[in-house]
Protein backbone atom coordinates (compact mmCIF):
# COMPACT_ATOMS: atom_id res chain seq x y z
CA UNK A 1 86.11 23.87 -65.94
CA UNK A 2 84.65 25.91 -63.02
CA UNK A 3 81.10 24.82 -63.85
CA UNK A 4 82.17 21.19 -63.99
CA UNK A 5 83.89 21.38 -60.57
CA UNK A 6 80.84 23.06 -59.05
CA UNK A 7 78.59 20.36 -60.50
CA UNK A 8 80.87 17.63 -59.14
CA UNK A 9 80.89 19.27 -55.69
CA UNK A 10 77.11 19.55 -55.71
CA UNK A 11 76.82 15.93 -56.80
CA UNK A 12 79.19 14.77 -54.07
CA UNK A 13 77.39 16.88 -51.48
CA UNK A 14 74.06 15.35 -52.48
CA UNK A 15 75.54 11.85 -52.39
CA UNK A 16 77.05 12.50 -48.95
CA UNK A 17 73.78 13.92 -47.63
CA UNK A 18 71.92 10.91 -48.97
CA UNK A 19 74.31 8.47 -47.35
CA UNK A 20 74.10 10.33 -44.04
CA UNK A 21 70.33 10.14 -44.20
CA UNK A 22 70.58 6.39 -44.70
CA UNK A 23 72.99 6.08 -41.77
CA UNK A 24 70.63 7.92 -39.39
CA UNK A 25 68.52 5.67 -37.17
CA UNK A 26 65.10 4.99 -38.59
CA UNK A 27 62.24 5.07 -36.14
CA UNK A 28 58.97 3.25 -36.55
CA UNK A 29 55.74 5.08 -37.16
CA UNK A 30 54.67 7.04 -34.11
CA UNK A 31 51.03 6.00 -34.53
CA UNK A 32 49.03 2.80 -34.51
CA UNK A 33 45.30 2.32 -35.06
CA UNK A 34 42.64 2.34 -32.41
CA UNK A 35 38.85 2.19 -32.41
CA UNK A 36 36.36 4.17 -30.33
CA UNK A 37 34.44 1.78 -28.06
CA UNK A 38 31.88 1.96 -25.23
CA UNK A 39 30.19 5.01 -26.75
CA UNK A 40 26.44 4.79 -27.41
CA UNK A 41 25.35 4.87 -31.06
CA UNK A 42 23.82 8.34 -30.55
CA UNK A 43 26.74 9.78 -28.56
CA UNK A 44 30.34 10.88 -29.24
CA UNK A 45 33.72 10.76 -27.55
CA UNK A 46 35.10 14.23 -26.87
CA UNK A 47 38.70 14.85 -27.94
CA UNK A 48 40.31 17.48 -25.77
CA UNK A 49 43.26 19.84 -26.07
CA UNK A 50 44.88 18.49 -22.88
CA UNK A 51 44.18 15.43 -20.70
CA UNK A 52 41.30 16.22 -18.37
CA UNK A 53 37.55 16.69 -18.55
CA UNK A 54 37.80 20.46 -18.03
CA UNK A 55 40.08 20.94 -21.05
CA UNK A 56 38.70 22.54 -24.23
CA UNK A 57 36.98 20.14 -26.66
CA UNK A 58 38.77 20.25 -30.02
CA UNK A 59 36.89 17.47 -31.81
CA UNK A 60 34.72 14.41 -31.50
CA UNK A 61 34.85 10.77 -32.51
CA UNK A 62 31.82 8.55 -32.97
CA UNK A 63 31.34 4.93 -31.92
CA UNK A 64 33.44 2.58 -34.03
CA UNK A 65 35.46 5.45 -35.53
CA UNK A 66 39.12 4.76 -36.17
CA UNK A 67 41.69 6.99 -34.47
CA UNK A 68 45.47 6.97 -34.40
CA UNK A 69 47.16 6.42 -31.05
CA UNK A 70 50.55 7.97 -30.27
CA UNK A 71 51.16 5.56 -27.39
CA UNK A 72 51.43 8.41 -24.90
CA UNK A 73 49.07 8.19 -21.93
CA UNK A 74 48.83 10.09 -18.67
CA UNK A 75 47.25 9.42 -15.29
CA UNK A 76 45.94 12.88 -14.43
CA UNK A 77 45.49 12.05 -10.74
CA UNK A 78 49.13 11.06 -10.15
CA UNK A 79 50.48 13.24 -13.01
CA UNK A 80 52.46 10.27 -14.34
CA UNK A 81 52.97 9.90 -18.08
CA UNK A 82 53.71 6.53 -19.63
CA UNK A 83 53.98 4.89 -23.03
CA UNK A 84 51.60 2.20 -24.23
CA UNK A 85 53.51 0.74 -27.14
CA UNK A 86 55.69 -2.17 -28.01
CA UNK A 87 54.92 -5.84 -28.46
CA UNK A 88 52.18 -6.16 -25.82
CA UNK A 89 48.83 -7.48 -26.95
CA UNK A 90 45.90 -5.11 -27.44
CA UNK A 91 44.36 -6.62 -24.29
CA UNK A 92 47.46 -5.78 -22.22
CA UNK A 93 47.60 -2.23 -23.60
CA UNK A 94 43.92 -1.71 -22.94
CA UNK A 95 44.33 -2.91 -19.35
CA UNK A 96 46.63 0.10 -18.78
CA UNK A 97 44.52 2.51 -20.82
CA UNK A 98 41.21 1.76 -19.09
CA UNK A 99 42.43 2.50 -15.57
CA UNK A 100 40.72 5.39 -13.79
CA UNK A 101 42.01 8.87 -14.62
CA UNK A 102 44.04 7.73 -17.66
CA UNK A 103 43.93 9.82 -20.82
CA UNK A 104 45.68 8.86 -24.05
CA UNK A 105 46.89 11.02 -26.91
CA UNK A 106 45.09 10.39 -30.20
CA UNK A 107 44.95 11.89 -33.66
CA UNK A 108 42.04 12.18 -36.06
CA UNK A 109 41.84 13.75 -39.49
CA UNK A 110 39.28 16.31 -38.33
CA UNK A 111 40.58 17.26 -34.87
CA UNK A 112 44.30 16.71 -35.24
CA UNK A 113 46.20 15.79 -32.08
CA UNK A 114 44.20 15.62 -28.86
CA UNK A 115 43.46 13.57 -25.74
CA UNK A 116 40.68 11.09 -24.95
CA UNK A 117 39.84 8.87 -22.00
CA UNK A 118 41.78 5.66 -22.49
CA UNK A 119 38.84 3.48 -21.52
CA UNK A 120 37.01 4.56 -24.71
CA UNK A 121 39.77 3.53 -27.16
CA UNK A 122 40.60 -0.06 -28.11
CA UNK A 123 44.21 -0.31 -29.34
CA UNK A 124 44.70 -2.51 -32.41
């Protein structure tokens, strides 16, 4: 009888945990695709640890390479962070990303999470 009650409790606990997980808000993927642009065929885009050209290089991306964008960008001159996500067109997003001093957070398989100049990434 004790084993049966314990099994029922465990089953109910699992069912409750599952229903709570379903009730929690579901967020969309934090990444969307982008492509490296405006980089010569024999050059690379440096991916850096932090936004800024003096930050340590943690990886590279070649012309036409796909990267994942987090949507987080930062103007390093004004120190303002902003999100480039939502229903805007790629052209509207890129208009924000290509402004002077703007760096955007990207992820690649080889470098992991890093920062690149926004003007070199076309958001899909």
